[in-house]
Amino acid sequence: MIVVRLLVVAIALWSAMMVAMWMFTGQRRFLRMAWQAAKIAIIAVAVFFGLMLIERVLPL
């Protein structure tokens, strides 16, 4: 579970860094990479909450 949490934080930081790079340079490729990171973050958050739900329903 800790690995998923660290992954979500790392992806969020990556996305924020890409937005900051886009703001400083104006290059659209950084904005595109930030959007890709945001999509990956949404999937990672869904996996995280799915695992939490499974832990709650099926206590191991």
PDB file of N, CA and C in Angstrom:
ATOM      1  N   MET A   1       0.821  -1.185   0.000  1.00  0.00           N
ATOM      2  CA  MET A   1       0.000   0.000   0.000  1.00  0.00           C
ATOM      3  C   MET A   1       0.877   1.266   0.000  1.00  0.00           C
ATOM      4  N   ILE A   2       2.004   1.190   0.701  1.00  0.00           N
ATOM      5  CA  ILE A   2       2.880   2.354   0.763  1.00  0.00           C
ATOM      6  C   ILE A   2       3.468   2.663  -0.614  1.00  0.00           C
ATOM      7  N   VAL A   3       3.684   1.630  -1.406  1.00  0.00           N
ATOM      8  CA  VAL A   3       4.236   1.838  -2.746  1.00  0.00           C
ATOM      9  C   VAL A   3       3.254   2.622  -3.606  1.00  0.00           C
ATOM     10  N   VAL A   4       1.980   2.292  -3.513  1.00  0.00           N
ATOM     11  CA  VAL A   4       0.954   2.997  -4.292  1.00  0.00           C
ATOM     12  C   VAL A   4       0.877   4.456  -3.841  1.00  0.00           C
ATOM     13  N   ARG A   5       0.965   4.689  -2.543  1.00  0.00           N
ATOM     14  CA  ARG A   5       0.927   6.068  -2.033  1.00  0.00           C
ATOM     15  C   ARG A   5       2.113   6.873  -2.564  1.00  0.00           C
ATOM     16  N   LEU A   6       3.298   6.280  -2.518  1.00  0.00           N
ATOM     17  CA  LEU A   6       4.480   6.977  -3.028  1.00  0.00           C
ATOM     18  C   LEU A   6       4.376   7.222  -4.525  1.00  0.00           C
ATOM     19  N   LEU A   7       3.799   6.277  -5.242  1.00  0.00           N
ATOM     20  CA  LEU A   7       3.603   6.438  -6.683  1.00  0.00           C
ATOM     21  C   LEU A   7       2.673   7.612  -6.982  1.00  0.00           C
ATOM     22  N   VAL A   8       1.586   7.721  -6.238  1.00  0.00           N
ATOM     23  CA  VAL A   8       0.639   8.821  -6.445  1.00  0.00           C
ATOM     24  C   VAL A   8       1.317  10.169  -6.168  1.00  0.00           C
ATOM     25  N   VAL A   9       2.085  10.243  -5.101  1.00  0.00           N
ATOM     26  CA  VAL A   9       2.781  11.491  -4.765  1.00  0.00           C
ATOM     27  C   VAL A   9       3.815  11.838  -5.841  1.00  0.00           C
ATOM     28  N   ALA A  10       4.557  10.841  -6.298  1.00  0.00           N
ATOM     29  CA  ALA A  10       5.564  11.088  -7.321  1.00  0.00           C
ATOM     30  C   ALA A  10       4.932  11.573  -8.622  1.00  0.00           C
ATOM     31  N   ILE A  11       3.814  10.987  -9.003  1.00  0.00           N
ATOM     32  CA  ILE A  11       3.143  11.401 -10.236  1.00  0.00           C
ATOM     33  C   ILE A  11       2.571  12.812 -10.093  1.00  0.00           C
ATOM     34  N   ALA A  12       2.031  13.129  -8.927  1.00  0.00           N
ATOM     35  CA  ALA A  12       1.505  14.481  -8.705  1.00  0.00           C
ATOM     36  C   ALA A  12       2.624  15.519  -8.777  1.00  0.00           C
ATOM     37  N   LEU A  13       3.769  15.203  -8.192  1.00  0.00           N
ATOM     38  CA  LEU A  13       4.905  16.124  -8.266  1.00  0.00           C
ATOM     39  C   LEU A  13       5.409  16.268  -9.696  1.00  0.00           C
ATOM     40  N   TRP A  14       5.433  15.174 -10.424  1.00  0.00           N
ATOM     41  CA  TRP A  14       5.855  15.197 -11.823  1.00  0.00           C
ATOM     42  C   TRP A  14       4.932  16.100 -12.639  1.00  0.00           C
ATOM     43  N   SER A  15       3.635  15.959 -12.422  1.00  0.00           N
ATOM     44  CA  SER A  15       2.669  16.777 -13.148  1.00  0.00           C
ATOM     45  C   SER A  15       2.846  18.261 -12.811  1.00  0.00           C
ATOM     46  N   ALA A  16       3.014  18.564 -11.538  1.00  0.00           N
ATOM     47  CA  ALA A  16       3.208  19.960 -11.125  1.00  0.00           C
ATOM     48  C   ALA A  16       4.495  20.539 -11.714  1.00  0.00           C
ATOM     49  N   MET A  17       5.529  19.728 -11.764  1.00  0.00           N
ATOM     50  CA  MET A  17       6.789  20.180 -12.332  1.00  0.00           C
ATOM     51  C   MET A  17       6.645  20.474 -13.826  1.00  0.00           C
ATOM     52  N   MET A  18       5.895  19.639 -14.532  1.00  0.00           N
ATOM     53  CA  MET A  18       5.701  19.851 -15.969  1.00  0.00           C
ATOM     54  C   MET A  18       4.882  21.125 -16.228  1.00  0.00           C
ATOM     55  N   VAL A  19       3.892  21.391 -15.397  1.00  0.00           N
ATOM     56  CA  VAL A  19       3.107  22.626 -15.546  1.00  0.00           C
ATOM     57  C   VAL A  19       4.004  23.840 -15.285  1.00  0.00           C
ATOM     58  N   ALA A  20       4.852  23.736 -14.268  1.00  0.00           N
ATOM     59  CA  ALA A  20       5.770  24.845 -13.974  1.00  0.00           C
ATOM     60  C   ALA A  20       6.745  25.061 -15.134  1.00  0.00           C
ATOM     61  N   MET A  21       7.245  23.972 -15.704  1.00  0.00           N
ATOM     62  CA  MET A  21       8.149  24.096 -16.852  1.00  0.00           C
ATOM     63  C   MET A  21       7.436  24.743 -18.035  1.00  0.00           C
ATOM     64  N   TRP A  22       6.177  24.383 -18.254  1.00  0.00           N
ATOM     65  CA  TRP A  22       5.402  24.987 -19.336  1.00  0.00           C
ATOM     66  C   TRP A  22       5.216  26.480 -19.092  1.00  0.00           C
ATOM     67  N   MET A  23       4.938  26.843 -17.838  1.00  0.00           N
ATOM     68  CA  MET A  23       4.740  28.259 -17.528  1.00  0.00           C
ATOM     69  C   MET A  23       6.017  29.063 -17.747  1.00  0.00           C
ATOM     70  N   PHE A  24       7.172  28.483 -17.431  1.00  0.00           N
ATOM     71  CA  PHE A  24       8.434  29.200 -17.583  1.00  0.00           C
ATOM     72  C   PHE A  24       8.917  29.248 -19.027  1.00  0.00           C
ATOM     73  N   THR A  25       8.708  28.155 -19.786  1.00  0.00           N
ATOM     74  CA  THR A  25       9.262  28.101 -21.133  1.00  0.00           C
ATOM     75  C   THR A  25       8.232  28.388 -22.223  1.00  0.00           C
ATOM     76  N   GLY A  26       6.974  28.079 -21.966  1.00  0.00           N
ATOM     77  CA  GLY A  26       5.940  28.274 -22.977  1.00  0.00           C
ATOM     78  C   GLY A  26       5.875  27.162 -24.011  1.00  0.00           C
ATOM     79  N   GLN A  27       6.673  26.109 -23.825  1.00  0.00           N
ATOM     80  CA  GLN A  27       6.669  24.996 -24.779  1.00  0.00           C
ATOM     81  C   GLN A  27       5.495  24.065 -24.478  1.00  0.00           C
ATOM     82  N   ARG A  28       4.710  23.771 -25.513  1.00  0.00           N
ATOM     83  CA  ARG A  28       3.500  22.973 -25.346  1.00  0.00           C
ATOM     84  C   ARG A  28       3.792  21.527 -24.960  1.00  0.00           C
ATOM     85  N   ARG A  29       4.997  21.048 -25.226  1.00  0.00           N
ATOM     86  CA  ARG A  29       5.287  19.642 -24.915  1.00  0.00           C
ATOM     87  C   ARG A  29       5.240  19.391 -23.410  1.00  0.00           C
ATOM     88  N   PHE A  30       5.588  20.393 -22.604  1.00  0.00           N
ATOM     89  CA  PHE A  30       5.516  20.225 -21.155  1.00  0.00           C
ATOM     90  C   PHE A  30       4.062  20.145 -20.691  1.00  0.00           C
ATOM     91  N   LEU A  31       3.195  20.918 -21.319  1.00  0.00           N
ATOM     92  CA  LEU A  31       1.773  20.856 -20.979  1.00  0.00           C
ATOM     93  C   LEU A  31       1.195  19.502 -21.369  1.00  0.00           C
ATOM     94  N   ARG A  32       1.616  18.968 -22.494  1.00  0.00           N
ATOM     95  CA  ARG A  32       1.161  17.643 -22.937  1.00  0.00           C
ATOM     96  C   ARG A  32       1.634  16.560 -21.962  1.00  0.00           C
ATOM     97  N   MET A  33       2.888  16.677 -21.501  1.00  0.00           N
ATOM     98  CA  MET A  33       3.405  15.708 -20.527  1.00  0.00           C
ATOM     99  C   MET A  33       2.674  15.829 -19.196  1.00  0.00           C
ATOM    100  N   ALA A  34       2.309  17.050 -18.811  1.00  0.00           N
ATOM    101  CA  ALA A  34       1.553  17.247 -17.572  1.00  0.00           C
ATOM    102  C   ALA A  34       0.176  16.596 -17.673  1.00  0.00           C
ATOM    103  N   TRP A  35      -0.456  16.709 -18.826  1.00  0.00           N
ATOM    104  CA  TRP A  35      -1.761  16.078 -19.022  1.00  0.00           C
ATOM    105  C   TRP A  35      -1.634  14.555 -18.956  1.00  0.00           C
ATOM    106  N   GLN A  36      -0.589  14.002 -19.543  1.00  0.00           N
ATOM    107  CA  GLN A  36      -0.364  12.563 -19.462  1.00  0.00           C
ATOM    108  C   GLN A  36      -0.136  12.134 -18.011  1.00  0.00           C
ATOM    109  N   ALA A  37       0.617  12.918 -17.271  1.00  0.00           N
ATOM    110  CA  ALA A  37       0.865  12.604 -15.865  1.00  0.00           C
ATOM    111  C   ALA A  37      -0.427  12.683 -15.059  1.00  0.00           C
ATOM    112  N   ALA A  38      -1.285  13.651 -15.381  1.00  0.00           N
ATOM    113  CA  ALA A  38      -2.564  13.765 -14.678  1.00  0.00           C
ATOM    114  C   ALA A  38      -3.436  12.542 -14.950  1.00  0.00           C
ATOM    115  N   LYS A  39      -3.441  12.048 -16.184  1.00  0.00           N
ATOM    116  CA  LYS A  39      -4.215  10.843 -16.498  1.00  0.00           C
ATOM    117  C   LYS A  39      -3.679   9.635 -15.731  1.00  0.00           C
ATOM    118  N   ILE A  40      -2.366   9.513 -15.661  1.00  0.00           N
ATOM    119  CA  ILE A  40      -1.765   8.408 -14.917  1.00  0.00           C
ATOM    120  C   ILE A  40      -2.087   8.537 -13.432  1.00  0.00           C
ATOM    121  N   ALA A  41      -2.079   9.765 -12.924  1.00  0.00           N
ATOM    122  CA  ALA A  41      -2.398   9.988 -11.512  1.00  0.00           C
ATOM    123  C   ALA A  41      -3.840   9.594 -11.203  1.00  0.00           C
ATOM    124  N   ILE A  42      -4.757   9.885 -12.102  1.00  0.00           N
ATOM    125  CA  ILE A  42      -6.158   9.507 -11.888  1.00  0.00           C
ATOM    126  C   ILE A  42      -6.274   7.988 -11.825  1.00  0.00           C
ATOM    127  N   ILE A  43      -5.574   7.298 -12.687  1.00  0.00           N
ATOM    128  CA  ILE A  43      -5.608   5.831 -12.675  1.00  0.00           C
ATOM    129  C   ILE A  43      -4.987   5.303 -11.382  1.00  0.00           C
ATOM    130  N   ALA A  44      -3.867   5.887 -10.958  1.00  0.00           N
ATOM    131  CA  ALA A  44      -3.212   5.448  -9.728  1.00  0.00           C
ATOM    132  C   ALA A  44      -4.091   5.688  -8.510  1.00  0.00           C
ATOM    133  N   VAL A  45      -4.787   6.806  -8.477  1.00  0.00           N
ATOM    134  CA  VAL A  45      -5.698   7.084  -7.364  1.00  0.00           C
ATOM    135  C   VAL A  45      -6.856   6.094  -7.370  1.00  0.00           C
ATOM    136  N   ALA A  46      -7.364   5.758  -8.546  1.00  0.00           N
ATOM    137  CA  ALA A  46      -8.442   4.766  -8.632  1.00  0.00           C
ATOM    138  C   ALA A  46      -7.971   3.408  -8.120  1.00  0.00           C
ATOM    139  N   VAL A  47      -6.744   3.023  -8.467  1.00  0.00           N
ATOM    140  CA  VAL A  47      -6.188   1.765  -7.963  1.00  0.00           C
ATOM    141  C   VAL A  47      -6.032   1.829  -6.449  1.00  0.00           C
ATOM    142  N   PHE A  48      -5.545   2.947  -5.941  1.00  0.00           N
ATOM    143  CA  PHE A  48      -5.356   3.115  -4.504  1.00  0.00           C
ATOM    144  C   PHE A  48      -6.681   2.953  -3.758  1.00  0.00           C
ATOM    145  N   PHE A  49      -7.715   3.656  -4.212  1.00  0.00           N
ATOM    146  CA  PHE A  49      -9.007   3.554  -3.526  1.00  0.00           C
ATOM    147  C   PHE A  49      -9.653   2.188  -3.741  1.00  0.00           C
ATOM    148  N   GLY A  50      -9.390   1.578  -4.884  1.00  0.00           N
ATOM    149  CA  GLY A  50      -9.877   0.218  -5.103  1.00  0.00           C
ATOM    150  C   GLY A  50      -9.257  -0.759  -4.118  1.00  0.00           C
ATOM    151  N   LEU A  51      -7.953  -0.625  -3.894  1.00  0.00           N
ATOM    152  CA  LEU A  51      -7.289  -1.474  -2.909  1.00  0.00           C
ATOM    153  C   LEU A  51      -7.808  -1.226  -1.503  1.00  0.00           C
ATOM    154  N   MET A  52      -8.067   0.032  -1.181  1.00  0.00           N
ATOM    155  CA  MET A  52      -8.637   0.342   0.134  1.00  0.00           C
ATOM    156  C   MET A  52     -10.009  -0.293   0.292  1.00  0.00           C
ATOM    157  N   LEU A  53     -10.814  -0.244  -0.755  1.00  0.00           N
ATOM    158  CA  LEU A  53     -12.149  -0.839  -0.714  1.00  0.00           C
ATOM    159  C   LEU A  53     -12.063  -2.355  -0.553  1.00  0.00           C
ATOM    160  N   ILE A  54     -11.149  -2.984  -1.287  1.00  0.00           N
ATOM    161  CA  ILE A  54     -10.982  -4.432  -1.180  1.00  0.00           C
ATOM    162  C   ILE A  54     -10.517  -4.815   0.230  1.00  0.00           C
ATOM    163  N   GLU A  55      -9.611  -4.037   0.806  1.00  0.00           N
ATOM    164  CA  GLU A  55      -9.162  -4.309   2.172  1.00  0.00           C
ATOM    165  C   GLU A  55     -10.311  -4.189   3.159  1.00  0.00           C
ATOM    166  N   ARG A  56     -11.210  -3.261   2.917  1.00  0.00           N
ATOM    167  CA  ARG A  56     -12.336  -3.046   3.822  1.00  0.00           C
ATOM    168  C   ARG A  56     -13.356  -4.174   3.699  1.00  0.00           C
ATOM    169  N   VAL A  57     -13.608  -4.621   2.479  1.00  0.00           N
ATOM    170  CA  VAL A  57     -14.624  -5.651   2.234  1.00  0.00           C
ATOM    171  C   VAL A  57     -14.087  -7.037   2.590  1.00  0.00           C
ATOM    172  N   LEU A  58     -12.845  -7.311   2.196  1.00  0.00           N
ATOM    173  CA  LEU A  58     -12.248  -8.623   2.431  1.00  0.00           C
ATOM    174  C   LEU A  58     -11.067  -8.504   3.395  1.00  0.00           C
ATOM    175  N   PRO A  59     -11.334  -8.461   4.686  1.00  0.00           N
ATOM    176  CA  PRO A  59     -10.223  -8.336   5.634  1.00  0.00           C
ATOM    177  C   PRO A  59      -9.354  -9.591   5.601  1.00  0.00           C
ATOM    178  N   LEU A  60      -8.079  -9.378   5.393  1.00  0.00           N
ATOM    179  CA  LEU A  60      -7.149 -10.516   5.300  1.00  0.00           C
ATOM    180  C   LEU A  60      -6.330 -10.664   6.543  1.00  0.00           C
TER     181      LEU A  60
END
